[in-house]
Protein backbone atom coordinates (compact mmCIF):
# COMPACT_ATOMS: atom_id res chain seq x y z
CA MET A 1 3.77 -24.45 21.16
CA ASN A 2 7.46 -25.30 21.07
CA GLY A 3 7.63 -26.23 17.40
CA VAL A 4 10.60 -25.46 15.19
CA ILE A 5 11.05 -24.59 11.53
CA GLU A 6 12.27 -27.68 9.72
CA ALA A 7 13.03 -26.39 6.21
CA LEU A 8 12.91 -23.39 3.90
CA HIS A 9 12.39 -23.65 0.13
CA ILE A 10 12.54 -20.83 -2.43
CA TYR A 11 11.03 -21.11 -5.94
CA ASP A 12 11.09 -18.70 -8.89
CA GLU A 13 8.19 -17.53 -11.07
CA HIS A 14 8.44 -20.71 -13.17
CA ASN A 15 8.10 -22.91 -10.05
CA SER A 16 11.73 -23.98 -10.39
CA LEU A 17 13.66 -24.60 -7.20
CA VAL A 18 16.13 -21.82 -6.39
CA LEU A 19 17.24 -22.79 -2.89
CA SER A 20 16.42 -25.47 -0.32
CA HIS A 21 17.73 -25.21 3.24
CA THR A 22 17.07 -27.87 5.90
CA TYR A 23 17.28 -26.88 9.56
CA THR A 24 16.34 -30.04 11.42
CA SER A 25 14.54 -33.41 11.20
CA ARG A 26 13.59 -34.99 7.84
CA PRO A 27 11.11 -32.63 6.21
CA LEU A 28 9.29 -33.08 2.91
CA SER A 29 11.50 -32.60 -0.11
CA ALA A 30 11.09 -29.45 -2.19
CA THR A 31 10.01 -31.35 -5.33
CA TYR A 32 7.37 -33.32 -3.41
CA LEU A 33 6.07 -30.29 -1.49
CA LEU A 34 5.43 -27.91 -4.40
CA PRO A 35 2.68 -29.96 -6.17
CA LEU A 36 0.83 -30.35 -2.86
CA TYR A 37 0.96 -26.60 -2.37
CA LEU A 38 -0.20 -25.82 -5.93
CA GLU A 39 -3.20 -28.14 -5.56
CA HIS A 40 -4.96 -25.55 -3.44
CA PRO A 41 -7.05 -23.05 -5.46
CA ILE A 42 -6.05 -19.41 -5.82
CA PRO A 43 -5.95 -17.32 -3.66
CA ARG A 44 -3.91 -19.67 -1.49
CA PRO A 45 -3.75 -18.91 2.25
CA ASN A 46 -0.45 -18.21 3.98
CA LEU A 47 -0.91 -21.32 6.13
CA ILE A 48 -1.87 -24.70 4.63
CA TYR A 49 -2.21 -27.98 6.52
CA LEU A 50 -1.28 -31.21 4.71
CA PRO A 51 -2.80 -34.04 6.76
CA ASN A 52 -2.04 -36.85 4.26
CA THR A 53 1.73 -36.49 4.32
CA ASN A 54 4.04 -38.46 6.57
CA PRO A 55 4.33 -36.75 8.97
CA PRO A 56 1.41 -34.24 8.66
CA THR A 57 2.97 -30.90 7.76
CA LEU A 58 2.19 -27.21 8.15
CA VAL A 59 3.24 -25.09 5.16
CA PHE A 60 3.80 -21.34 5.56
CA SER A 61 4.05 -19.33 2.33
CA LEU A 62 5.12 -15.85 1.27
CA THR A 63 5.27 -14.40 -2.25
CA HIS A 64 7.67 -11.55 -2.92
CA ALA A 65 9.12 -10.22 -6.21
CA ASN A 66 7.98 -13.31 -8.19
CA LEU A 67 9.65 -15.56 -5.63
CA LEU A 68 7.80 -18.12 -3.52
CA PHE A 69 9.05 -18.84 0.02
CA LEU A 70 7.79 -22.01 1.72
CA ALA A 71 8.63 -22.90 5.33
CA THR A 72 7.55 -26.27 6.73
CA THR A 73 7.12 -27.80 10.17
CA SER A 74 5.52 -30.98 11.48
CA SER A 75 4.85 -29.67 15.00
CA GLU A 76 2.66 -26.94 16.46
CA VAL A 77 4.19 -23.50 16.21
CA GLU A 78 2.99 -19.92 16.52
CA PRO A 79 1.86 -18.99 12.96
CA LEU A 80 2.67 -15.27 13.24
CA LEU A 81 6.19 -16.12 14.38
CA VAL A 82 6.93 -18.13 11.23
CA LEU A 83 5.29 -15.59 8.89
CA GLU A 84 7.29 -12.77 10.46
CA PHE A 85 10.41 -14.89 10.05
CA LEU A 86 9.74 -15.15 6.31
CA HIS A 87 9.35 -11.38 6.09
CA ARG A 88 12.65 -10.91 7.95
CA ILE A 89 14.36 -13.25 5.48
CA VAL A 90 13.16 -11.10 2.58
CA GLU A 91 14.36 -7.92 4.30
CA SER A 92 17.77 -9.44 5.05
CA PHE A 93 18.20 -10.70 1.49
CA GLU A 94 17.40 -7.25 0.11
CA GLU A 95 19.79 -5.67 2.62
CA PHE A 96 22.73 -7.90 1.64
CA LEU A 97 21.94 -8.73 -2.01
CA GLY A 98 20.16 -5.56 -3.04
CA ALA A 99 16.64 -4.82 -4.19
CA PRO A 100 14.79 -6.00 -6.19
CA LEU A 101 15.27 -9.55 -4.98
CA LEU A 102 15.82 -11.84 -7.97
CA ALA A 103 16.50 -15.55 -8.33
CA HIS A 104 19.91 -15.13 -9.96
CA LYS A 105 21.10 -12.95 -7.06
CA ILE A 106 20.35 -15.74 -4.62
CA GLU A 107 22.06 -18.35 -6.80
CA SER A 108 25.19 -16.26 -7.42
CA ASN A 109 25.58 -15.29 -3.74
CA TYR A 110 24.93 -18.62 -2.11
CA ASP A 111 27.79 -18.17 0.35
CA VAL A 112 26.15 -15.05 1.81
CA VAL A 113 22.64 -16.56 1.70
CA ALA A 114 23.79 -19.69 3.54
CA GLN A 115 25.36 -17.60 6.29
CA LEU A 116 22.19 -15.53 6.65
CA LEU A 117 19.91 -18.55 6.90
CA THR A 118 22.20 -20.21 9.45
CA GLU A 119 22.47 -17.14 11.66
CA MET A 120 18.78 -16.27 11.47
CA CYS A 121 17.61 -19.76 12.48
CA ASP A 122 19.66 -22.20 14.54
CA ALA A 123 18.47 -25.84 14.37
CA GLY A 124 14.94 -24.65 13.64
CA THR A 125 14.83 -22.03 16.41
CA ILE A 126 14.63 -18.42 15.27
CA ASN A 127 17.73 -16.55 16.39
CA THR A 128 19.15 -13.26 15.08
CA THR A 129 16.98 -11.44 12.53
CA GLU A 130 18.13 -7.81 12.85
CA PRO A 131 20.07 -6.65 9.75
CA ASN A 132 22.51 -4.56 11.80
CA ALA A 133 23.42 -7.54 13.98
CA LEU A 134 23.79 -9.76 10.93
CA ARG A 135 26.29 -7.27 9.48
CA ASP A 136 28.71 -8.16 12.26
CA MET A 137 28.20 -11.90 11.81
CA VAL A 138 27.99 -12.46 8.07
CA GLU A 139 31.12 -12.03 5.98
CA VAL A 140 30.48 -10.42 2.62
CA GLU A 141 33.25 -10.64 0.04
CA GLY A 142 34.10 -7.13 -1.02
CA PHE A 143 35.83 -5.73 -4.08
CA MET A 144 39.34 -5.95 -2.63
CA ASP A 145 38.78 -9.53 -1.50
CA LYS A 146 37.77 -10.49 -5.03
CA LEU A 147 40.76 -8.61 -6.47
CA LEU A 148 43.29 -10.23 -4.10
CA GLY A 149 41.56 -13.59 -3.98
CA GLY A 150 44.26 -15.30 -6.04
CA LEU A 151 47.14 -14.15 -3.84
CA ASN A 152 48.46 -16.33 -1.01
CA LEU A 153 47.87 -13.86 1.80
CA PRO A 154 47.72 -14.86 5.48
CA PRO A 155 44.27 -15.05 7.02
CA LYS A 156 42.75 -12.09 8.82
CA SER A 157 43.51 -13.53 12.22
CA ALA A 158 47.24 -13.63 11.43
CA PHE A 159 47.42 -9.85 11.10
CA GLY A 160 46.03 -9.45 14.59
CA THR A 161 48.86 -11.48 16.17
CA SER A 162 51.77 -10.42 13.99
CA PHE A 163 51.89 -6.88 15.36
CA GLY A 164 51.36 -7.65 18.99
CA ASN A 165 50.62 -10.31 21.54
CA SER A 166 47.56 -12.49 21.43
CA SER A 167 46.05 -10.65 24.37
CA ALA A 168 45.66 -7.39 22.43
CA PRO A 169 42.42 -5.58 23.16
CA SER A 170 39.53 -6.04 20.76
CA LEU A 171 38.61 -3.33 18.31
CA ILE A 172 35.12 -3.28 19.80
CA SER A 173 35.01 -1.37 23.04
CA PRO A 174 33.81 -3.45 25.99
CA THR A 175 31.70 -0.49 27.15
CA THR A 176 29.59 -0.61 23.98
CA PRO A 177 26.15 -2.01 24.87
CA ALA A 178 25.12 -5.23 23.19
CA LEU A 179 22.31 -3.98 20.95
CA PRO A 180 21.10 -6.55 18.43
CA TRP A 181 19.60 -3.85 16.21
CA ARG A 182 22.69 -1.62 15.94
CA ARG A 183 26.11 -2.29 14.51
CA ALA A 184 29.19 -1.62 16.59
CA ASN A 185 31.55 1.29 15.88
CA VAL A 186 29.18 3.20 13.59
CA ARG A 187 30.83 6.19 11.92
CA HIS A 188 29.28 8.81 9.62
CA THR A 189 30.83 11.88 8.08
CA SER A 190 27.48 13.70 7.93
CA ASN A 191 25.18 13.30 10.92
CA GLU A 192 21.52 13.32 9.82
CA ILE A 193 18.14 12.36 11.28
CA TYR A 194 14.97 12.10 9.19
CA ALA A 195 11.44 11.16 10.21
CA ASP A 196 8.81 10.34 7.57
CA VAL A 197 5.24 9.99 8.85
CA VAL A 198 3.06 8.19 6.30
CA GLU A 199 -0.66 7.57 6.78
CA THR A 200 -2.96 5.43 4.66
CA LEU A 201 -6.49 6.84 4.51
CA SER A 202 -9.59 4.62 4.37
CA VAL A 203 -13.05 6.26 4.38
CA THR A 204 -16.48 4.90 3.45
CA LEU A 205 -19.29 7.39 2.83
CA ALA A 206 -23.04 6.82 2.58
CA PRO A 207 -25.00 8.22 -0.41
CA SER A 208 -25.94 11.20 1.75
CA GLY A 209 -22.27 11.94 2.43
CA ARG A 210 -22.40 10.74 6.03
CA PRO A 211 -19.22 8.84 6.94
CA LEU A 212 -19.80 5.19 7.79
CA ALA A 213 -16.17 4.40 8.64
CA ALA A 214 -12.97 6.43 8.62
CA PHE A 215 -9.53 5.16 9.63
CA ALA A 216 -5.93 6.26 9.16
CA ASN A 217 -3.13 3.71 9.51
CA GLY A 218 0.16 5.46 10.19
CA THR A 219 3.80 4.44 9.94
CA ILE A 220 6.78 6.41 11.23
CA ALA A 221 9.84 5.65 9.10
CA PHE A 222 13.02 6.81 10.79
CA THR A 223 16.43 7.31 9.20
CA CYS A 224 19.37 7.75 11.55
CA LYS A 225 22.91 8.33 10.32
CA ILE A 226 24.63 9.24 13.58
CA SER A 227 28.09 8.20 14.74
CA GLY A 228 28.49 6.33 17.98
CA VAL A 229 25.51 5.29 20.09
CA PRO A 230 22.95 8.13 20.19
CA ASP A 231 20.03 8.16 22.61
CA ILE A 232 17.08 9.89 20.94
CA LEU A 233 13.81 11.26 22.30
CA VAL A 234 10.95 11.80 19.82
CA THR A 235 7.82 13.64 20.97
CA LEU A 236 4.50 13.44 19.10
CA THR A 237 1.58 15.81 19.40
CA GLY A 238 -2.06 15.67 18.29
CA PRO A 239 -4.52 18.22 16.90
CA SER A 240 -5.34 19.50 20.38
CA GLY A 241 -1.97 18.92 22.02
CA LYS A 242 -0.26 16.06 23.82
CA HIS A 243 -2.71 15.62 26.67
CA ASN A 244 -5.22 13.47 24.73
CA LEU A 245 -2.82 11.69 22.39
CA LYS A 246 -3.43 8.40 24.19
CA SER A 247 -7.12 8.51 23.26
CA ILE A 248 -6.34 9.28 19.59
CA ILE A 249 -3.76 6.60 18.82
CA ASP A 250 -5.08 3.03 18.77
CA LEU A 251 -3.14 -0.22 18.50
CA PRO A 252 0.40 1.26 18.64
CA VAL A 253 3.29 -1.01 17.66
CA PHE A 254 6.98 -0.20 18.10
CA HIS A 255 10.41 -1.27 17.02
CA PRO A 256 12.20 -3.33 19.72
CA CYS A 257 14.52 -0.38 20.37
CA VAL A 258 11.69 1.75 21.83
CA ARG A 259 11.46 1.79 25.63
CA LEU A 260 7.85 0.87 26.35
CA ALA A 261 7.99 2.08 29.95
CA LYS A 262 8.61 5.64 28.73
CA TRP A 263 5.65 5.48 26.34
CA LYS A 264 3.31 4.15 29.04
CA GLU A 265 4.44 6.86 31.42
CA GLN A 266 4.17 9.64 28.82
CA PRO A 267 2.07 8.66 25.78
CA GLY A 268 3.51 10.34 22.71
CA VAL A 269 7.13 10.22 23.89
CA MET A 270 9.44 7.59 22.38
CA SER A 271 12.88 7.04 23.88
CA PHE A 272 15.23 4.72 22.03
CA ILE A 273 18.71 3.94 20.73
CA PRO A 274 18.09 3.67 16.97
CA PRO A 275 19.44 1.15 14.47
CA ASP A 276 21.87 2.44 11.90
CA GLY A 277 20.12 3.55 8.72
CA ARG A 278 16.44 3.44 7.82
CA PHE A 279 13.92 1.46 9.86
CA THR A 280 10.26 1.50 10.92
CA LEU A 281 10.07 3.18 14.31
CA ALA A 282 6.36 2.78 15.07
CA GLY A 283 2.93 2.13 13.62
CA TYR A 284 -0.54 3.08 14.78
CA GLU A 285 -4.21 3.37 13.86
CA VAL A 286 -6.50 6.36 14.30
CA ASP A 287 -10.30 6.31 14.16
CA LEU A 288 -11.21 9.48 12.28
CA LEU A 289 -14.98 9.15 12.66
CA PRO A 290 -16.04 12.09 14.85
CA PHE A 291 -19.05 11.85 17.13
CA THR A 292 -21.13 14.66 18.55
CA ASP A 293 -23.72 13.80 21.24
CA GLY A 294 -23.71 10.21 20.10
CA LYS A 295 -24.53 11.09 16.48
CA PRO A 296 -22.02 10.87 13.62
CA ALA A 297 -21.01 14.19 12.20
CA ASN A 298 -20.94 15.27 8.58
CA SER A 299 -18.08 14.29 6.27
CA ASN A 300 -16.95 17.92 6.17
CA ASN A 301 -15.63 17.49 9.71
CA LEU A 302 -13.14 14.96 8.38
CA LYS A 303 -11.55 17.74 6.31
CA LEU A 304 -10.85 15.43 3.40
CA PRO A 305 -8.82 16.84 0.48
CA VAL A 306 -11.57 15.83 -1.97
CA ASN A 307 -15.36 15.51 -1.77
CA LEU A 308 -17.10 13.18 -4.21
CA GLU A 309 -20.72 13.26 -5.38
CA ILE A 310 -22.49 10.92 -7.81
CA LYS A 311 -25.83 11.53 -9.55
CA THR A 312 -27.39 8.65 -11.48
CA GLY A 313 -30.40 8.27 -13.77
CA LEU A 314 -29.95 11.57 -15.64
CA GLY A 315 -31.28 12.36 -19.10
CA PRO A 316 -34.64 11.60 -20.77
CA THR A 317 -34.02 7.84 -20.65
CA ALA A 318 -32.03 7.86 -17.36
CA SER A 319 -28.97 6.57 -19.19
CA ASP A 320 -26.51 9.20 -17.91
CA PHE A 321 -24.64 9.57 -14.64
CA GLU A 322 -22.47 12.41 -13.38
CA VAL A 323 -19.52 12.45 -10.99
CA ARG A 324 -18.59 15.74 -9.34
CA LEU A 325 -15.26 16.22 -7.60
CA GLN A 326 -14.77 19.14 -5.23
CA LEU A 327 -11.30 19.94 -3.91
CA ASN A 328 -10.66 21.49 -0.55
CA LYS A 329 -9.63 25.12 -1.03
CA VAL A 330 -6.41 24.62 0.92
CA PHE A 331 -5.26 21.78 -1.34
CA ALA A 332 -6.55 23.35 -4.56
CA GLN A 333 -4.55 26.56 -4.10
CA SER A 334 -1.38 25.05 -2.68
CA GLY A 335 -0.72 23.14 -5.89
CA THR A 336 -0.12 26.39 -7.74
CA GLY A 337 3.27 26.63 -6.09
CA LEU A 338 4.55 23.89 -8.39
CA HIS A 339 4.36 26.01 -11.53
CA ASN A 340 4.48 29.55 -10.21
CA ARG A 341 7.95 30.06 -8.81
CA GLY A 342 8.26 33.61 -10.05
CA GLY A 343 6.42 35.39 -7.27
CA GLY A 344 2.81 34.92 -8.37
CA PRO A 345 -0.15 35.87 -6.21
CA ARG A 346 -0.90 32.31 -5.01
CA GLY A 347 1.91 30.09 -3.82
CA GLY A 348 5.43 29.72 -5.04
CA GLY A 349 6.32 33.39 -4.60
CA PHE A 350 8.91 34.87 -2.33
CA GLY A 351 7.88 34.82 1.32
CA LEU A 352 5.28 32.10 0.85
CA PRO A 353 5.77 28.54 2.12
CA PRO A 354 6.79 25.97 -0.50
CA ALA A 355 4.27 23.40 -1.67
CA GLY A 356 4.35 20.03 0.06
CA THR A 357 4.87 21.40 3.59
CA PRO A 358 2.35 21.50 6.48
CA ALA A 359 1.82 25.20 5.78
CA ALA A 360 0.98 24.51 2.12
CA PRO A 361 0.02 20.85 1.50
CA SER A 362 -0.05 19.71 -2.12
CA LEU A 363 -2.33 17.17 -3.80
CA HIS A 364 -0.95 14.69 -6.34
CA ASP A 365 -1.93 11.59 -8.36
CA LEU A 366 -5.70 12.15 -8.31
CA VAL A 367 -7.60 9.21 -9.82
CA VAL A 368 -11.33 8.40 -9.60
CA THR A 369 -12.32 4.77 -10.18
CA ILE A 370 -15.95 3.88 -10.95
CA PRO A 371 -16.89 0.18 -11.15
CA LEU A 372 -19.80 -0.55 -13.50
CA PRO A 373 -22.31 -3.44 -13.49
CA ALA A 374 -21.78 -6.48 -15.69
CA ASP A 375 -24.81 -5.57 -17.83
CA VAL A 376 -23.07 -2.46 -19.20
CA ARG A 377 -22.03 -3.06 -22.80
CA ASN A 378 -20.26 0.21 -23.53
CA LEU A 379 -19.93 3.90 -22.70
CA PRO A 380 -20.48 5.75 -25.99
CA GLU A 381 -20.07 9.21 -24.42
CA ILE A 382 -17.51 10.15 -21.78
CA ARG A 383 -17.26 13.87 -21.14
CA PRO A 384 -14.80 15.02 -18.44
CA SER A 385 -14.42 18.73 -17.73
CA LYS A 386 -10.71 18.15 -17.04
CA GLY A 387 -8.38 15.21 -17.19
CA ASP A 388 -8.61 11.93 -19.10
CA ALA A 389 -11.31 9.30 -18.60
CA THR A 390 -11.00 5.78 -20.04
CA TYR A 391 -13.30 2.78 -19.84
CA ASN A 392 -11.84 -0.72 -19.57
CA PRO A 393 -14.46 -3.26 -20.75
CA GLY A 394 -12.43 -6.17 -19.38
CA ASP A 395 -12.42 -4.93 -15.79
CA ARG A 396 -15.68 -3.00 -16.29
CA THR A 397 -14.19 0.05 -14.61
CA LEU A 398 -14.12 3.71 -15.60
CA GLU A 399 -10.93 5.50 -14.58
CA TRP A 400 -10.79 9.28 -14.47
CA THR A 401 -7.29 10.73 -14.06
CA ILE A 402 -6.52 14.38 -13.37
CA SER A 403 -2.86 15.18 -13.94
CA ASN A 404 -0.70 17.09 -11.48
CA LYS A 405 -0.34 19.89 -14.01
CA GLU A 406 -4.10 20.40 -14.11
CA LEU A 407 -4.30 20.24 -10.33
CA ALA A 408 -1.69 23.01 -10.15
CA GLN A 409 -3.99 25.39 -12.05
CA GLY A 410 -6.00 26.05 -8.90
CA ILE A 411 -9.34 24.70 -10.16
CA SER A 412 -11.43 23.35 -7.29
CA SER A 413 -14.38 21.76 -9.11
CA TYR A 414 -14.34 18.97 -11.71
CA ALA A 415 -17.15 17.04 -13.38
CA LEU A 416 -17.51 13.88 -15.44
CA ARG A 417 -20.68 12.88 -17.32
CA CYS A 418 -21.11 9.53 -19.03
CA THR A 419 -23.77 7.68 -21.01
CA VAL A 420 -24.16 3.93 -20.54
CA VAL A 421 -25.48 1.37 -23.01
CA GLY A 422 -26.77 -2.02 -21.92
CA GLN A 423 -26.94 -5.36 -23.65
CA LEU A 424 -28.89 -5.62 -26.90
CA SER A 425 -32.58 -6.38 -26.37
CA GLU A 426 -34.83 -8.35 -28.75
CA GLU A 427 -36.17 -5.10 -30.15
CA ASP A 428 -32.63 -3.86 -30.87
CA GLU A 429 -31.67 -7.15 -32.49
CA ASP A 430 -34.73 -6.98 -34.77
CA SER A 431 -34.07 -3.37 -35.75
CA ASP A 432 -32.79 -2.45 -39.16
CA PRO A 433 -28.98 -2.96 -39.20
CA THR A 434 -28.59 -1.37 -42.63
CA GLY A 435 -30.70 1.77 -42.26
CA PHE A 436 -32.66 1.25 -45.51
CA GLY A 437 -36.01 0.58 -43.84
CA PHE A 438 -36.03 -3.18 -44.14
CA ASN A 439 -37.29 -4.90 -41.01
CA ALA A 440 -37.29 -1.54 -39.27
CA THR A 441 -40.29 -2.33 -37.06
CA GLY A 442 -39.50 -5.92 -36.30
CA ARG A 443 -42.30 -7.19 -38.59
CA ASP A 444 -42.11 -10.22 -40.80
CA TYR A 445 -42.85 -9.31 -44.43
CA SER A 446 -43.14 -12.87 -45.73
CA TYR A 447 -46.46 -13.60 -47.43
CA ASP A 448 -48.38 -15.84 -45.05
CA GLU A 449 -51.84 -14.18 -45.11
CA PRO A 450 -54.91 -16.45 -45.28
CA TYR A 451 -57.04 -16.60 -48.42
CA GLN A 452 -60.15 -15.23 -46.69
CA ASP A 453 -60.23 -11.96 -44.77
CA LEU A 454 -60.70 -12.09 -41.01
CA PRO A 455 -63.57 -10.23 -39.39
CA ALA A 456 -62.85 -6.62 -38.48
CA THR A 457 -63.10 -7.24 -34.74
CA THR A 458 -60.61 -10.09 -34.92
CA ALA A 459 -58.18 -8.01 -36.95
CA LYS A 460 -58.27 -5.15 -34.48
CA ALA A 461 -57.64 -7.48 -31.59
CA ALA A 462 -54.72 -9.08 -33.38
CA GLU A 463 -53.01 -5.76 -33.94
CA LYS A 464 -50.86 -4.55 -31.08
CA ALA A 465 -51.31 -0.99 -29.95
CA PRO A 466 -48.20 1.09 -30.82
CA GLU A 467 -46.06 2.22 -27.88
CA THR A 468 -45.99 5.96 -27.27
CA GLY A 469 -42.76 7.87 -26.85
CA GLU A 470 -43.37 8.57 -23.18
CA GLU A 471 -44.05 4.92 -22.42
CA LYS A 472 -40.94 3.92 -24.34
CA ASP A 473 -38.79 6.35 -22.32
CA LYS A 474 -40.20 5.00 -19.05
CA ARG A 475 -39.44 1.46 -20.11
CA LYS A 476 -35.86 2.38 -21.08
CA ALA A 477 -35.40 4.32 -17.82
CA ALA A 478 -36.38 1.23 -15.86
CA GLN A 479 -33.92 -0.85 -17.88
CA ASN A 480 -31.10 1.70 -17.46
CA LYS A 481 -31.57 1.81 -13.70
CA ILE A 482 -29.62 -1.43 -13.30
CA LEU A 483 -26.78 -0.01 -15.44
CA MET A 484 -25.93 2.82 -13.05
CA PRO A 485 -22.78 2.60 -10.87
CA SER A 486 -23.27 1.78 -7.21
CA SER A 487 -20.05 3.34 -5.87
CA ALA A 488 -16.95 5.35 -6.72
CA SER A 489 -13.52 5.57 -5.07
CA VAL A 490 -10.79 8.20 -5.09
CA SER A 491 -7.03 7.67 -5.01
CA PHE A 492 -4.61 10.49 -4.22
CA ALA A 493 -1.46 11.49 -2.37
CA VAL A 494 -1.01 14.57 -0.22
CA LYS A 495 2.37 15.91 0.81
CA GLY A 496 2.54 17.92 4.02
CA TRP A 497 -0.79 16.78 5.52
CA LEU A 498 -2.03 13.96 7.73
CA PRO A 499 -5.73 13.21 8.32
CA SER A 500 -5.11 12.38 11.99
CA GLY A 501 -3.40 15.70 12.69
CA ILE A 502 -0.48 13.95 14.41
CA LYS A 503 2.85 15.77 14.14
CA VAL A 504 6.42 15.34 15.33
CA GLU A 505 6.91 18.07 17.88
CA SER A 506 10.61 17.52 18.56
CA ILE A 507 13.57 15.19 17.99
CA ILE A 508 16.16 15.51 20.75
CA ILE A 509 19.48 13.69 21.24
CA ASP A 510 20.31 13.25 24.92
CA PRO A 511 24.04 14.11 25.25
CA ARG A 512 24.27 12.52 28.70
CA LYS A 513 23.12 9.09 27.56
CA SER A 514 24.70 9.18 24.08
CA ARG A 515 28.20 7.86 23.44
CA GLY A 516 30.70 8.56 20.71
CA LEU A 517 28.75 11.42 19.19
CA GLY A 518 31.45 14.00 19.63
CA GLU A 519 31.36 17.47 21.07
CA ASN A 520 29.66 20.38 19.33
CA VAL A 521 27.97 18.03 16.84
CA LYS A 522 24.51 19.22 15.82
CA PRO A 523 22.87 16.71 13.48
CA TYR A 524 20.58 17.88 10.72
CA LYS A 525 16.93 17.02 11.43
CA GLY A 526 14.07 16.80 8.98
CA VAL A 527 10.43 15.70 9.14
CA LYS A 528 8.05 15.00 6.25
CA TYR A 529 4.37 14.07 6.17
CA LEU A 530 2.61 12.07 3.48
CA THR A 531 -0.93 10.75 3.10
CA VAL A 532 -1.67 7.99 0.59
CA SER A 533 -5.11 6.74 -0.41
CA LYS A 534 -5.24 3.92 -2.96
CA GLY A 535 -8.96 3.88 -3.61
CA GLY A 536 -9.44 4.49 0.10
CA VAL A 537 -12.15 7.17 -0.07
CA GLU A 538 -15.29 5.43 -1.31
CA ILE A 539 -18.80 6.82 -1.69
CA ARG A 540 -21.82 4.63 -2.25
CA CYS A 541 -24.81 5.48 -4.40
């Protein structure tokens, strides 16, 4: 696959063309391409093949901030390469134009955008995509350039020759290594290093509470504001140390700056020369499902911040269901530090660790989402012990939110009980809508009796035996069984805790390999941990 990218088109939320850039060949025009793309039903895939065009074309798409990016090619190309190229274009635009990325920013800064697109892709071949390298190649008009733009000043190259000969040494030292991800001559007044480890939790539980699947997808976001060219060594550790870290981390991915040979030699050790600023250092996946003698363990071994339990078919007519939420004691008590700074008995006092740290993790943004069947007409009674519960008939979802203030009170058990009502049956439709007794039993009171009386046996057979209260409750319970929820999911965020147990053991700057750092410079180092679960913990009924 030696295909090239032929063109890039950008459209706004109204499907109006914002920018069209042609790299090579004679690709489809932007006005002709958009209707062919919109013909496909939603959700549209990121790769669409148009066999009826001349020539047949592959269309790669990416939607970001109400902007549509379309890249086309008429030859075979690696799909992931083109899709990653579109993501790099978005990152570069936000780096140079600012976030959020809007259509008017692209139109008003076409000179910068054109330079970026030309440097990132040369004649259809992907070239330089690192923002730090693009900083040295793309000229951005600053405030002073705009202020002095009307003056007849000599070009920049004239200043370099007016004060010396043309063979003057370059400002960039020849000993500086050519790193595409780091700018040359980086200088910072405050030297700082930050590492943010973020994990996304995804757990599926059976009705018995047994975990069916449990994964944590982690990302290490690194921020480096160090002068010169630092050489950094980051060491990770697991719950039981560094010796089995290789068996815990699955599918690791790294920034190009990481030396893979060092990681293969010592799993958990990352050696690299970082880019300037914030970047994604590494990503990984961890299977949290523990096994003991070949049998899956209980969900308590996962040590989740919350445990969810659902009971359905409650009440005399089985029209109620109850959701119970149990918080882990560690997370329930640590939240008290948010509102008890005056030296209280639990968290927040002097001598106790602050909330949001590994010693005292804090739980935030707790939301329980319960999808309901389509036959549910309404929820007349919603009774939460704490928090606010609202039912959205359009989405047929019940959302139970517990605020951070209520979580900080130290309560570890919460409950929500609801009553469901199904669609109107024929008996309900024939019931008395006014309440005055008319048509209360569903009978027709029009006079249509025959002139002669029927025999007594025929009359008894014609009459229907009245339904007892017990039989009526059983019939309603059977009808309400299909109205019960089949699952519930929990969303939350935890500061200072990771489900995988992975931690950053140390961040070391090697003074022998680093350049331009300066003597007696001790950068400030900080590490934070965050777990996010957007409906990731799901229990089935």
